[in-house]
Amino acid sequence: MSNKFYSILKARFLVNEDAFKNWRFILFLLVLAIIMIANTHSYEKKVFRIAELNNEVKELRSEFVDRRSELMKLKMESTVATKMAEKEIFPSSVPPKKIKVVEEKKEPWYKLW
């Protein structure tokens, strides 16, 4: 038992006559390890990109909400009135009247005869 253990520690299985099979297996394991490392690296890169995009979406959404609230303030009648008062344009004291346009009914040309 201890003799087999010492032969493994001294790596005699790599220099024996049938060492070619062992080397092929070791190279196979090495290639698999490299593929796994590359795959993990790619996965982590994608995860970081997703987190980055989520943060950007949150920032853009908050900016959108801020801009929308600013727009609502600018559209208010009181804000418009104060800005126009600076230019000496004041709101009318007479309310506007609604104009109704009545369309005349035209008879088709073929009913003329």
PDB file of N, CA and C in Angstrom:
ATOM      1  N   MET A   1       0.830  -1.191   0.000  1.00  0.00           N
ATOM      2  CA  MET A   1       0.000   0.000   0.000  1.00  0.00           C
ATOM      3  C   MET A   1       0.871   1.249   0.000  1.00  0.00           C
ATOM      4  N   SER A   2       1.844   1.302   0.884  1.00  0.00           N
ATOM      5  CA  SER A   2       2.699   2.484   0.945  1.00  0.00           C
ATOM      6  C   SER A   2       3.573   2.598  -0.302  1.00  0.00           C
ATOM      7  N   ASN A   3       3.905   1.440  -0.928  1.00  0.00           N
ATOM      8  CA  ASN A   3       4.711   1.455  -2.139  1.00  0.00           C
ATOM      9  C   ASN A   3       3.943   2.125  -3.284  1.00  0.00           C
ATOM     10  N   LYS A   4       2.641   1.849  -3.412  1.00  0.00           N
ATOM     11  CA  LYS A   4       1.812   2.486  -4.439  1.00  0.00           C
ATOM     12  C   LYS A   4       1.668   3.985  -4.163  1.00  0.00           C
ATOM     13  N   PHE A   5       1.545   4.335  -2.913  1.00  0.00           N
ATOM     14  CA  PHE A   5       1.406   5.735  -2.535  1.00  0.00           C
ATOM     15  C   PHE A   5       2.668   6.510  -2.903  1.00  0.00           C
ATOM     16  N   TYR A   6       3.832   5.941  -2.624  1.00  0.00           N
ATOM     17  CA  TYR A   6       5.099   6.597  -2.964  1.00  0.00           C
ATOM     18  C   TYR A   6       5.286   6.704  -4.475  1.00  0.00           C
ATOM     19  N   SER A   7       4.814   5.709  -5.225  1.00  0.00           N
ATOM     20  CA  SER A   7       4.955   5.767  -6.676  1.00  0.00           C
ATOM     21  C   SER A   7       4.063   6.872  -7.266  1.00  0.00           C
ATOM     22  N   ILE A   8       2.919   7.115  -6.637  1.00  0.00           N
ATOM     23  CA  ILE A   8       2.054   8.216  -7.089  1.00  0.00           C
ATOM     24  C   ILE A   8       2.689   9.552  -6.745  1.00  0.00           C
ATOM     25  N   LEU A   9       3.254   9.665  -5.538  1.00  0.00           N
ATOM     26  CA  LEU A   9       3.894  10.912  -5.142  1.00  0.00           C
ATOM     27  C   LEU A   9       5.112  11.220  -6.009  1.00  0.00           C
ATOM     28  N   LYS A  10       5.857  10.188  -6.391  1.00  0.00           N
ATOM     29  CA  LYS A  10       7.044  10.398  -7.229  1.00  0.00           C
ATOM     30  C   LYS A  10       6.688  10.521  -8.712  1.00  0.00           C
ATOM     31  N   ALA A  11       5.422  10.382  -9.070  1.00  0.00           N
ATOM     32  CA  ALA A  11       4.906  10.520 -10.436  1.00  0.00           C
ATOM     33  C   ALA A  11       5.544   9.517 -11.371  1.00  0.00           C
ATOM     34  N   ARG A  12       5.690   8.299 -10.919  1.00  0.00           N
ATOM     35  CA  ARG A  12       6.253   7.254 -11.775  1.00  0.00           C
ATOM     36  C   ARG A  12       5.275   6.857 -12.877  1.00  0.00           C
ATOM     37  N   PHE A  13       4.009   7.127 -12.666  1.00  0.00           N
ATOM     38  CA  PHE A  13       3.016   6.767 -13.691  1.00  0.00           C
ATOM     39  C   PHE A  13       3.176   7.632 -14.951  1.00  0.00           C
ATOM     40  N   LEU A  14       3.965   8.701 -14.854  1.00  0.00           N
ATOM     41  CA  LEU A  14       4.183   9.553 -16.016  1.00  0.00           C
ATOM     42  C   LEU A  14       5.412   9.153 -16.841  1.00  0.00           C
ATOM     43  N   VAL A  15       6.274   8.300 -16.280  1.00  0.00           N
ATOM     44  CA  VAL A  15       7.501   7.924 -17.003  1.00  0.00           C
ATOM     45  C   VAL A  15       7.572   6.431 -17.299  1.00  0.00           C
ATOM     46  N   ASN A  16       6.543   5.675 -16.981  1.00  0.00           N
ATOM     47  CA  ASN A  16       6.517   4.237 -17.284  1.00  0.00           C
ATOM     48  C   ASN A  16       6.348   4.002 -18.776  1.00  0.00           C
ATOM     49  N   GLU A  17       6.332   2.696 -19.157  1.00  0.00           N
ATOM     50  CA  GLU A  17       6.176   2.340 -20.564  1.00  0.00           C
ATOM     51  C   GLU A  17       4.803   2.753 -21.101  1.00  0.00           C
ATOM     52  N   ASP A  18       3.751   2.600 -20.295  1.00  0.00           N
ATOM     53  CA  ASP A  18       2.390   2.940 -20.740  1.00  0.00           C
ATOM     54  C   ASP A  18       2.000   4.366 -20.312  1.00  0.00           C
ATOM     55  N   ALA A  19       2.977   5.246 -20.206  1.00  0.00           N
ATOM     56  CA  ALA A  19       2.736   6.612 -19.758  1.00  0.00           C
ATOM     57  C   ALA A  19       2.005   7.439 -20.812  1.00  0.00           C
ATOM     58  N   PHE A  20       2.066   7.010 -22.085  1.00  0.00           N
ATOM     59  CA  PHE A  20       1.409   7.774 -23.147  1.00  0.00           C
ATOM     60  C   PHE A  20      -0.090   7.883 -22.900  1.00  0.00           C
ATOM     61  N   LYS A  21      -0.730   6.810 -22.423  1.00  0.00           N
ATOM     62  CA  LYS A  21      -2.172   6.861 -22.112  1.00  0.00           C
ATOM     63  C   LYS A  21      -2.437   7.846 -20.977  1.00  0.00           C
ATOM     64  N   ASN A  22      -1.567   7.859 -19.999  1.00  0.00           N
ATOM     65  CA  ASN A  22      -1.749   8.776 -18.875  1.00  0.00           C
ATOM     66  C   ASN A  22      -1.593  10.230 -19.317  1.00  0.00           C
ATOM     67  N   TRP A  23      -0.602  10.470 -20.181  1.00  0.00           N
ATOM     68  CA  TRP A  23      -0.392  11.827 -20.659  1.00  0.00           C
ATOM     69  C   TRP A  23      -1.580  12.312 -21.502  1.00  0.00           C
ATOM     70  N   ARG A  24      -2.140  11.413 -22.315  1.00  0.00           N
ATOM     71  CA  ARG A  24      -3.319  11.798 -23.099  1.00  0.00           C
ATOM     72  C   ARG A  24      -4.483  12.165 -22.186  1.00  0.00           C
ATOM     73  N   PHE A  25      -4.675  11.379 -21.135  1.00  0.00           N
ATOM     74  CA  PHE A  25      -5.766  11.661 -20.199  1.00  0.00           C
ATOM     75  C   PHE A  25      -5.525  12.975 -19.469  1.00  0.00           C
ATOM     76  N   ILE A  26      -4.276  13.228 -19.085  1.00  0.00           N
ATOM     77  CA  ILE A  26      -3.952  14.479 -18.388  1.00  0.00           C
ATOM     78  C   ILE A  26      -4.168  15.669 -19.321  1.00  0.00           C
ATOM     79  N   LEU A  27      -3.754  15.554 -20.566  1.00  0.00           N
ATOM     80  CA  LEU A  27      -3.990  16.633 -21.527  1.00  0.00           C
ATOM     81  C   LEU A  27      -5.486  16.853 -21.768  1.00  0.00           C
ATOM     82  N   PHE A  28      -6.243  15.751 -21.806  1.00  0.00           N
ATOM     83  CA  PHE A  28      -7.694  15.867 -21.950  1.00  0.00           C
ATOM     84  C   PHE A  28      -8.293  16.629 -20.775  1.00  0.00           C
ATOM     85  N   LEU A  29      -7.867  16.291 -19.561  1.00  0.00           N
ATOM     86  CA  LEU A  29      -8.361  17.003 -18.374  1.00  0.00           C
ATOM     87  C   LEU A  29      -7.936  18.466 -18.389  1.00  0.00           C
ATOM     88  N   LEU A  30      -6.726  18.731 -18.870  1.00  0.00           N
ATOM     89  CA  LEU A  30      -6.237  20.101 -18.948  1.00  0.00           C
ATOM     90  C   LEU A  30      -7.073  20.925 -19.938  1.00  0.00           C
ATOM     91  N   VAL A  31      -7.388  20.351 -21.086  1.00  0.00           N
ATOM     92  CA  VAL A  31      -8.227  21.050 -22.075  1.00  0.00           C
ATOM     93  C   VAL A  31      -9.622  21.302 -21.504  1.00  0.00           C
ATOM     94  N   LEU A  32     -10.182  20.307 -20.807  1.00  0.00           N
ATOM     95  CA  LEU A  32     -11.503  20.507 -20.187  1.00  0.00           C
ATOM     96  C   LEU A  32     -11.459  21.624 -19.143  1.00  0.00           C
ATOM     97  N   ALA A  33     -10.385  21.674 -18.364  1.00  0.00           N
ATOM     98  CA  ALA A  33     -10.255  22.726 -17.348  1.00  0.00           C
ATOM     99  C   ALA A  33     -10.168  24.098 -18.010  1.00  0.00           C
ATOM    100  N   ILE A  34      -9.431  24.202 -19.108  1.00  0.00           N
ATOM    101  CA  ILE A  34      -9.312  25.490 -19.806  1.00  0.00           C
ATOM    102  C   ILE A  34     -10.664  25.905 -20.371  1.00  0.00           C
ATOM    103  N   ILE A  35     -11.404  24.958 -20.933  1.00  0.00           N
ATOM    104  CA  ILE A  35     -12.734  25.272 -21.466  1.00  0.00           C
ATOM    105  C   ILE A  35     -13.674  25.721 -20.350  1.00  0.00           C
ATOM    106  N   MET A  36     -13.617  25.064 -19.205  1.00  0.00           N
ATOM    107  CA  MET A  36     -14.472  25.455 -18.073  1.00  0.00           C
ATOM    108  C   MET A  36     -14.112  26.848 -17.572  1.00  0.00           C
ATOM    109  N   ILE A  37     -12.823  27.157 -17.510  1.00  0.00           N
ATOM    110  CA  ILE A  37     -12.407  28.484 -17.054  1.00  0.00           C
ATOM    111  C   ILE A  37     -12.880  29.553 -18.031  1.00  0.00           C
ATOM    112  N   ALA A  38     -12.736  29.292 -19.326  1.00  0.00           N
ATOM    113  CA  ALA A  38     -13.193  30.258 -20.334  1.00  0.00           C
ATOM    114  C   ALA A  38     -14.706  30.444 -20.267  1.00  0.00           C
ATOM    115  N   ASN A  39     -15.424  29.359 -20.072  1.00  0.00           N
ATOM    116  CA  ASN A  39     -16.879  29.435 -19.976  1.00  0.00           C
ATOM    117  C   ASN A  39     -17.303  30.240 -18.746  1.00  0.00           C
ATOM    118  N   THR A  40     -16.657  30.009 -17.628  1.00  0.00           N
ATOM    119  CA  THR A  40     -16.969  30.745 -16.403  1.00  0.00           C
ATOM    120  C   THR A  40     -16.663  32.234 -16.577  1.00  0.00           C
ATOM    121  N   HIS A  41     -15.536  32.525 -17.219  1.00  0.00           N
ATOM    122  CA  HIS A  41     -15.173  33.918 -17.466  1.00  0.00           C
ATOM    123  C   HIS A  41     -16.222  34.606 -18.340  1.00  0.00           C
ATOM    124  N   SER A  42     -16.667  33.932 -19.385  1.00  0.00           N
ATOM    125  CA  SER A  42     -17.693  34.485 -20.265  1.00  0.00           C
ATOM    126  C   SER A  42     -19.000  34.712 -19.506  1.00  0.00           C
ATOM    127  N   TYR A  43     -19.371  33.760 -18.674  1.00  0.00           N
ATOM    128  CA  TYR A  43     -20.607  33.878 -17.889  1.00  0.00           C
ATOM    129  C   TYR A  43     -20.530  35.075 -16.946  1.00  0.00           C
ATOM    130  N   GLU A  44     -19.419  35.233 -16.243  1.00  0.00           N
ATOM    131  CA  GLU A  44     -19.279  36.351 -15.308  1.00  0.00           C
ATOM    132  C   GLU A  44     -19.280  37.686 -16.045  1.00  0.00           C
ATOM    133  N   LYS A  45     -18.675  37.718 -17.225  1.00  0.00           N
ATOM    134  CA  LYS A  45     -18.674  38.932 -18.026  1.00  0.00           C
ATOM    135  C   LYS A  45     -20.101  39.330 -18.380  1.00  0.00           C
ATOM    136  N   LYS A  46     -20.922  38.345 -18.756  1.00  0.00           N
ATOM    137  CA  LYS A  46     -22.321  38.626 -19.092  1.00  0.00           C
ATOM    138  C   LYS A  46     -23.105  39.082 -17.865  1.00  0.00           C
ATOM    139  N   VAL A  47     -22.831  38.481 -16.720  1.00  0.00           N
ATOM    140  CA  VAL A  47     -23.535  38.867 -15.493  1.00  0.00           C
ATOM    141  C   VAL A  47     -23.207  40.313 -15.135  1.00  0.00           C
ATOM    142  N   PHE A  48     -21.930  40.693 -15.247  1.00  0.00           N
ATOM    143  CA  PHE A  48     -21.551  42.070 -14.955  1.00  0.00           C
ATOM    144  C   PHE A  48     -22.188  43.038 -15.946  1.00  0.00           C
ATOM    145  N   ARG A  49     -22.269  42.656 -17.194  1.00  0.00           N
ATOM    146  CA  ARG A  49     -22.892  43.508 -18.211  1.00  0.00           C
ATOM    147  C   ARG A  49     -24.390  43.696 -17.918  1.00  0.00           C
ATOM    148  N   ILE A  50     -25.048  42.619 -17.499  1.00  0.00           N
ATOM    149  CA  ILE A  50     -26.477  42.709 -17.155  1.00  0.00           C
ATOM    150  C   ILE A  50     -26.674  43.635 -15.964  1.00  0.00           C
ATOM    151  N   ALA A  51     -25.821  43.523 -14.953  1.00  0.00           N
ATOM    152  CA  ALA A  51     -25.926  44.402 -13.783  1.00  0.00           C
ATOM    153  C   ALA A  51     -25.687  45.858 -14.181  1.00  0.00           C
ATOM    154  N   GLU A  52     -24.729  46.069 -15.051  1.00  0.00           N
ATOM    155  CA  GLU A  52     -24.438  47.420 -15.528  1.00  0.00           C
ATOM    156  C   GLU A  52     -25.626  48.000 -16.288  1.00  0.00           C
ATOM    157  N   LEU A  53     -26.232  47.196 -17.143  1.00  0.00           N
ATOM    158  CA  LEU A  53     -27.391  47.664 -17.905  1.00  0.00           C
ATOM    159  C   LEU A  53     -28.590  47.924 -16.997  1.00  0.00           C
ATOM    160  N   ASN A  54     -28.772  47.104 -15.972  1.00  0.00           N
ATOM    161  CA  ASN A  54     -29.871  47.340 -15.026  1.00  0.00           C
ATOM    162  C   ASN A  54     -29.680  48.670 -14.303  1.00  0.00           C
ATOM    163  N   ASN A  55     -28.444  48.968 -13.913  1.00  0.00           N
ATOM    164  CA  ASN A  55     -28.181  50.256 -13.257  1.00  0.00           C
ATOM    165  C   ASN A  55     -28.449  51.413 -14.213  1.00  0.00           C
ATOM    166  N   GLU A  56     -28.067  51.242 -15.470  1.00  0.00           N
ATOM    167  CA  GLU A  56     -28.302  52.293 -16.454  1.00  0.00           C
ATOM    168  C   GLU A  56     -29.802  52.504 -16.681  1.00  0.00           C
ATOM    169  N   VAL A  57     -30.566  51.419 -16.689  1.00  0.00           N
ATOM    170  CA  VAL A  57     -32.024  51.534 -16.853  1.00  0.00           C
ATOM    171  C   VAL A  57     -32.629  52.286 -15.674  1.00  0.00           C
ATOM    172  N   LYS A  58     -32.161  51.977 -14.466  1.00  0.00           N
ATOM    173  CA  LYS A  58     -32.676  52.684 -13.286  1.00  0.00           C
ATOM    174  C   LYS A  58     -32.362  54.176 -13.357  1.00  0.00           C
ATOM    175  N   GLU A  59     -31.132  54.503 -13.776  1.00  0.00           N
ATOM    176  CA  GLU A  59     -30.759  55.913 -13.890  1.00  0.00           C
ATOM    177  C   GLU A  59     -31.604  56.623 -14.945  1.00  0.00           C
ATOM    178  N   LEU A  60     -31.791  55.975 -16.082  1.00  0.00           N
ATOM    179  CA  LEU A  60     -32.583  56.591 -17.149  1.00  0.00           C
ATOM    180  C   LEU A  60     -34.042  56.749 -16.744  1.00  0.00           C
ATOM    181  N   ARG A  61     -34.564  55.773 -16.006  1.00  0.00           N
ATOM    182  CA  ARG A  61     -35.957  55.885 -15.555  1.00  0.00           C
ATOM    183  C   ARG A  61     -36.117  57.042 -14.577  1.00  0.00           C
ATOM    184  N   SER A  62     -35.164  57.205 -13.660  1.00  0.00           N
ATOM    185  CA  SER A  62     -35.270  58.312 -12.710  1.00  0.00           C
ATOM    186  C   SER A  62     -35.110  59.652 -13.427  1.00  0.00           C
ATOM    187  N   GLU A  63     -34.228  59.698 -14.428  1.00  0.00           N
ATOM    188  CA  GLU A  63     -34.082  60.928 -15.210  1.00  0.00           C
ATOM    189  C   GLU A  63     -35.374  61.231 -15.968  1.00  0.00           C
ATOM    190  N   PHE A  64     -36.015  60.200 -16.505  1.00  0.00           N
ATOM    191  CA  PHE A  64     -37.289  60.390 -17.201  1.00  0.00           C
ATOM    192  C   PHE A  64     -38.344  60.959 -16.265  1.00  0.00           C
ATOM    193  N   VAL A  65     -38.425  60.424 -15.065  1.00  0.00           N
ATOM    194  CA  VAL A  65     -39.419  60.909 -14.100  1.00  0.00           C
ATOM    195  C   VAL A  65     -39.136  62.365 -13.741  1.00  0.00           C
ATOM    196  N   ASP A  66     -37.859  62.701 -13.552  1.00  0.00           N
ATOM    197  CA  ASP A  66     -37.504  64.092 -13.240  1.00  0.00           C
ATOM    198  C   ASP A  66     -37.898  65.028 -14.376  1.00  0.00           C
ATOM    199  N   ARG A  67     -37.581  64.640 -15.597  1.00  0.00           N
ATOM    200  CA  ARG A  67     -37.903  65.490 -16.745  1.00  0.00           C
ATOM    201  C   ARG A  67     -39.408  65.631 -16.917  1.00  0.00           C
ATOM    202  N   ARG A  68     -40.132  64.548 -16.673  1.00  0.00           N
ATOM    203  CA  ARG A  68     -41.581  64.616 -16.816  1.00  0.00           C
ATOM    204  C   ARG A  68     -42.179  65.562 -15.775  1.00  0.00           C
ATOM    205  N   SER A  69     -41.659  65.520 -14.534  1.00  0.00           N
ATOM    206  CA  SER A  69     -42.181  66.429 -13.508  1.00  0.00           C
ATOM    207  C   SER A  69     -41.830  67.874 -13.844  1.00  0.00           C
ATOM    208  N   GLU A  70     -40.630  68.110 -14.398  1.00  0.00           N
ATOM    209  CA  GLU A  70     -40.277  69.470 -14.825  1.00  0.00           C
ATOM    210  C   GLU A  70     -41.215  69.956 -15.927  1.00  0.00           C
ATOM    211  N   LEU A  71     -41.508  69.078 -16.865  1.00  0.00           N
ATOM    212  CA  LEU A  71     -42.422  69.434 -17.954  1.00  0.00           C
ATOM    213  C   LEU A  71     -43.809  69.764 -17.416  1.00  0.00           C
ATOM    214  N   MET A  72     -44.282  68.983 -16.460  1.00  0.00           N
ATOM    215  CA  MET A  72     -45.603  69.250 -15.881  1.00  0.00           C
ATOM    216  C   MET A  72     -45.616  70.618 -15.199  1.00  0.00           C
ATOM    217  N   LYS A  73     -44.516  70.965 -14.520  1.00  0.00           N
ATOM    218  CA  LYS A  73     -44.446  72.280 -13.881  1.00  0.00           C
ATOM    219  C   LYS A  73     -44.445  73.388 -14.929  1.00  0.00           C
ATOM    220  N   LEU A  74     -43.727  73.175 -16.017  1.00  0.00           N
ATOM    221  CA  LEU A  74     -43.658  74.204 -17.061  1.00  0.00           C
ATOM    222  C   LEU A  74     -44.991  74.376 -17.780  1.00  0.00           C
ATOM    223  N   LYS A  75     -45.787  73.329 -17.850  1.00  0.00           N
ATOM    224  CA  LYS A  75     -47.066  73.400 -18.545  1.00  0.00           C
ATOM    225  C   LYS A  75     -48.174  74.000 -17.684  1.00  0.00           C
ATOM    226  N   MET A  76     -47.931  74.176 -16.400  1.00  0.00           N
ATOM    227  CA  MET A  76     -48.974  74.721 -15.528  1.00  0.00           C
ATOM    228  C   MET A  76     -49.287  76.161 -15.932  1.00  0.00           C
ATOM    229  N   GLU A  77     -50.542  76.529 -15.776  1.00  0.00           N
ATOM    230  CA  GLU A  77     -50.993  77.854 -16.195  1.00  0.00           C
ATOM    231  C   GLU A  77     -50.285  78.957 -15.408  1.00  0.00           C
ATOM    232  N   SER A  78     -50.061  78.730 -14.131  1.00  0.00           N
ATOM    233  CA  SER A  78     -49.408  79.760 -13.316  1.00  0.00           C
ATOM    234  C   SER A  78     -47.967  79.995 -13.774  1.00  0.00           C
ATOM    235  N   THR A  79     -47.267  78.936 -14.148  1.00  0.00           N
ATOM    236  CA  THR A  79     -45.890  79.087 -14.624  1.00  0.00           C
ATOM    237  C   THR A  79     -45.864  79.830 -15.947  1.00  0.00           C
ATOM    238  N   VAL A  80     -46.778  79.474 -16.827  1.00  0.00           N
ATOM    239  CA  VAL A  80     -46.846  80.149 -18.123  1.00  0.00           C
ATOM    240  C   VAL A  80     -47.194  81.620 -17.920  1.00  0.00           C
ATOM    241  N   ALA A  81     -48.124  81.908 -17.007  1.00  0.00           N
ATOM    242  CA  ALA A  81     -48.533  83.296 -16.757  1.00  0.00           C
ATOM    243  C   ALA A  81     -47.365  84.116 -16.217  1.00  0.00           C
ATOM    244  N   THR A  82     -46.567  83.561 -15.308  1.00  0.00           N
ATOM    245  CA  THR A  82     -45.428  84.319 -14.772  1.00  0.00           C
ATOM    246  C   THR A  82     -44.371  84.559 -15.843  1.00  0.00           C
ATOM    247  N   LYS A  83     -44.128  83.566 -16.699  1.00  0.00           N
ATOM    248  CA  LYS A  83     -43.141  83.751 -17.769  1.00  0.00           C
ATOM    249  C   LYS A  83     -43.629  84.784 -18.780  1.00  0.00           C
ATOM    250  N   MET A  84     -44.924  84.794 -19.061  1.00  0.00           N
ATOM    251  CA  MET A  84     -45.459  85.767 -20.013  1.00  0.00           C
ATOM    252  C   MET A  84     -45.533  87.161 -19.386  1.00  0.00           C
ATOM    253  N   ALA A  85     -45.699  87.249 -18.059  1.00  0.00           N
ATOM    254  CA  ALA A  85     -45.730  88.547 -17.386  1.00  0.00           C
ATOM    255  C   ALA A  85     -44.367  89.220 -17.499  1.00  0.00           C
ATOM    256  N   GLU A  86     -43.298  88.440 -17.535  1.00  0.00           N
ATOM    257  CA  GLU A  86     -41.969  89.014 -17.723  1.00  0.00           C
ATOM    258  C   GLU A  86     -41.857  89.689 -19.088  1.00  0.00           C
ATOM    259  N   LYS A  87     -42.585  89.182 -20.058  1.00  0.00           N
ATOM    260  CA  LYS A  87     -42.570  89.763 -21.407  1.00  0.00           C
ATOM    261  C   LYS A  87     -43.727  90.749 -21.607  1.00  0.00           C
ATOM    262  N   GLU A  88     -44.393  91.069 -20.520  1.00  0.00           N
ATOM    263  CA  GLU A  88     -45.514  92.007 -20.487  1.00  0.00           C
ATOM    264  C   GLU A  88     -46.688  91.532 -21.329  1.00  0.00           C
ATOM    265  N   ILE A  89     -46.931  90.236 -21.293  1.00  0.00           N
ATOM    266  CA  ILE A  89     -48.113  89.660 -21.917  1.00  0.00           C
ATOM    267  C   ILE A  89     -48.957  89.077 -20.788  1.00  0.00           C
ATOM    268  N   PHE A  90     -50.176  89.568 -20.661  1.00  0.00           N
ATOM    269  CA  PHE A  90     -51.016  89.158 -19.539  1.00  0.00           C
ATOM    270  C   PHE A  90     -52.199  88.350 -20.037  1.00  0.00           C
ATOM    271  N   PRO A  91     -52.752  87.493 -19.169  1.00  0.00           N
ATOM    272  CA  PRO A  91     -53.915  86.704 -19.592  1.00  0.00           C
ATOM    273  C   PRO A  91     -55.128  87.601 -19.811  1.00  0.00           C
ATOM    274  N   SER A  92     -56.005  87.192 -20.693  1.00  0.00           N
ATOM    275  CA  SER A  92     -57.193  87.960 -21.036  1.00  0.00           C
ATOM    276  C   SER A  92     -58.196  87.906 -19.890  1.00  0.00           C
ATOM    277  N   SER A  93     -58.874  89.016 -19.683  1.00  0.00           N
ATOM    278  CA  SER A  93     -59.914  89.040 -18.648  1.00  0.00           C
ATOM    279  C   SER A  93     -61.238  88.521 -19.193  1.00  0.00           C
ATOM    280  N   VAL A  94     -61.361  88.493 -20.518  1.00  0.00           N
ATOM    281  CA  VAL A  94     -62.571  87.993 -21.157  1.00  0.00           C
ATOM    282  C   VAL A  94     -62.326  86.533 -21.547  1.00  0.00           C
ATOM    283  N   PRO A  95     -63.201  85.647 -21.113  1.00  0.00           N
ATOM    284  CA  PRO A  95     -62.979  84.239 -21.464  1.00  0.00           C
ATOM    285  C   PRO A  95     -63.162  84.003 -22.958  1.00  0.00           C
ATOM    286  N   PRO A  96     -62.498  83.008 -23.480  1.00  0.00           N
ATOM    287  CA  PRO A  96     -62.609  82.746 -24.925  1.00  0.00           C
ATOM    288  C   PRO A  96     -63.986  82.191 -25.274  1.00  0.00           C
ATOM    289  N   LYS A  97     -64.388  82.425 -26.523  1.00  0.00           N
ATOM    290  CA  LYS A  97     -65.672  81.911 -26.996  1.00  0.00           C
ATOM    291  C   LYS A  97     -65.392  80.782 -27.967  1.00  0.00           C
ATOM    292  N   LYS A  98     -66.250  79.814 -27.927  1.00  0.00           N
ATOM    293  CA  LYS A  98     -66.096  78.665 -28.810  1.00  0.00           C
ATOM    294  C   LYS A  98     -66.754  78.975 -30.143  1.00  0.00           C
ATOM    295  N   ILE A  99     -66.024  78.738 -31.204  1.00  0.00           N
ATOM    296  CA  ILE A  99     -66.535  78.989 -32.543  1.00  0.00           C
ATOM    297  C   ILE A  99     -66.956  77.649 -33.138  1.00  0.00           C
ATOM    298  N   LYS A 100     -68.204  77.594 -33.584  1.00  0.00           N
ATOM    299  CA  LYS A 100     -68.710  76.374 -34.199  1.00  0.00           C
ATOM    300  C   LYS A 100     -68.810  76.596 -35.699  1.00  0.00           C
ATOM    301  N   VAL A 101     -68.267  75.698 -36.448  1.00  0.00           N
ATOM    302  CA  VAL A 101     -68.338  75.778 -37.900  1.00  0.00           C
ATOM    303  C   VAL A 101     -69.377  74.766 -38.354  1.00  0.00           C
ATOM    304  N   VAL A 102     -70.382  75.253 -39.043  1.00  0.00           N
ATOM    305  CA  VAL A 102     -71.430  74.390 -39.542  1.00  0.00           C
ATOM    306  C   VAL A 102     -71.144  74.117 -41.006  1.00  0.00           C
ATOM    307  N   GLU A 103     -71.068  72.881 -41.345  1.00  0.00           N
ATOM    308  CA  GLU A 103     -70.745  72.499 -42.714  1.00  0.00           C
ATOM    309  C   GLU A 103     -72.037  72.442 -43.524  1.00  0.00           C
ATOM    310  N   GLU A 104     -72.032  73.088 -44.675  1.00  0.00           N
ATOM    311  CA  GLU A 104     -73.200  73.073 -45.539  1.00  0.00           C
ATOM    312  C   GLU A 104     -73.290  71.727 -46.227  1.00  0.00           C
ATOM    313  N   LYS A 105     -74.498  71.246 -46.312  1.00  0.00           N
ATOM    314  CA  LYS A 105     -74.691  69.980 -47.007  1.00  0.00           C
ATOM    315  C   LYS A 105     -74.833  70.263 -48.485  1.00  0.00           C
ATOM    316  N   LYS A 106     -73.983  69.699 -49.239  1.00  0.00           N
ATOM    317  CA  LYS A 106     -74.041  69.856 -50.690  1.00  0.00           C
ATOM    318  C   LYS A 106     -74.717  68.640 -51.277  1.00  0.00           C
ATOM    319  N   GLU A 107     -75.577  68.925 -52.230  1.00  0.00           N
ATOM    320  CA  GLU A 107     -76.243  67.810 -52.883  1.00  0.00           C
ATOM    321  C   GLU A 107     -75.324  67.257 -53.953  1.00  0.00           C
ATOM    322  N   PRO A 108     -75.341  65.975 -54.113  1.00  0.00           N
ATOM    323  CA  PRO A 108     -74.476  65.388 -55.140  1.00  0.00           C
ATOM    324  C   PRO A 108     -74.867  65.877 -56.526  1.00  0.00           C
ATOM    325  N   TRP A 109     -73.956  65.936 -57.439  1.00  0.00           N
ATOM    326  CA  TRP A 109     -74.180  66.474 -58.780  1.00  0.00           C
ATOM    327  C   TRP A 109     -75.144  65.616 -59.601  1.00  0.00           C
ATOM    328  N   TYR A 110     -75.224  64.318 -59.304  1.00  0.00           N
ATOM    329  CA  TYR A 110     -76.109  63.462 -60.100  1.00  0.00           C
ATOM    330  C   TYR A 110     -77.573  63.652 -59.722  1.00  0.00           C
ATOM    331  N   LYS A 111     -77.879  64.308 -58.605  1.00  0.00           N
ATOM    332  CA  LYS A 111     -79.268  64.551 -58.238  1.00  0.00           C
ATOM    333  C   LYS A 111     -79.805  65.847 -58.875  1.00  0.00           C
ATOM    334  N   LEU A 112     -78.962  66.545 -59.563  1.00  0.00           N
ATOM    335  CA  LEU A 112     -79.383  67.792 -60.198  1.00  0.00           C
ATOM    336  C   LEU A 112     -80.351  67.531 -61.356  1.00  0.00           C
ATOM    337  N   TRP A 113     -80.233  66.449 -62.046  1.00  0.00           N
ATOM    338  CA  TRP A 113     -81.093  66.150 -63.203  1.00  0.00           C
ATOM    339  C   TRP A 113     -82.295  65.433 -62.817  1.00  0.00           C
TER     340      TRP A 113
END
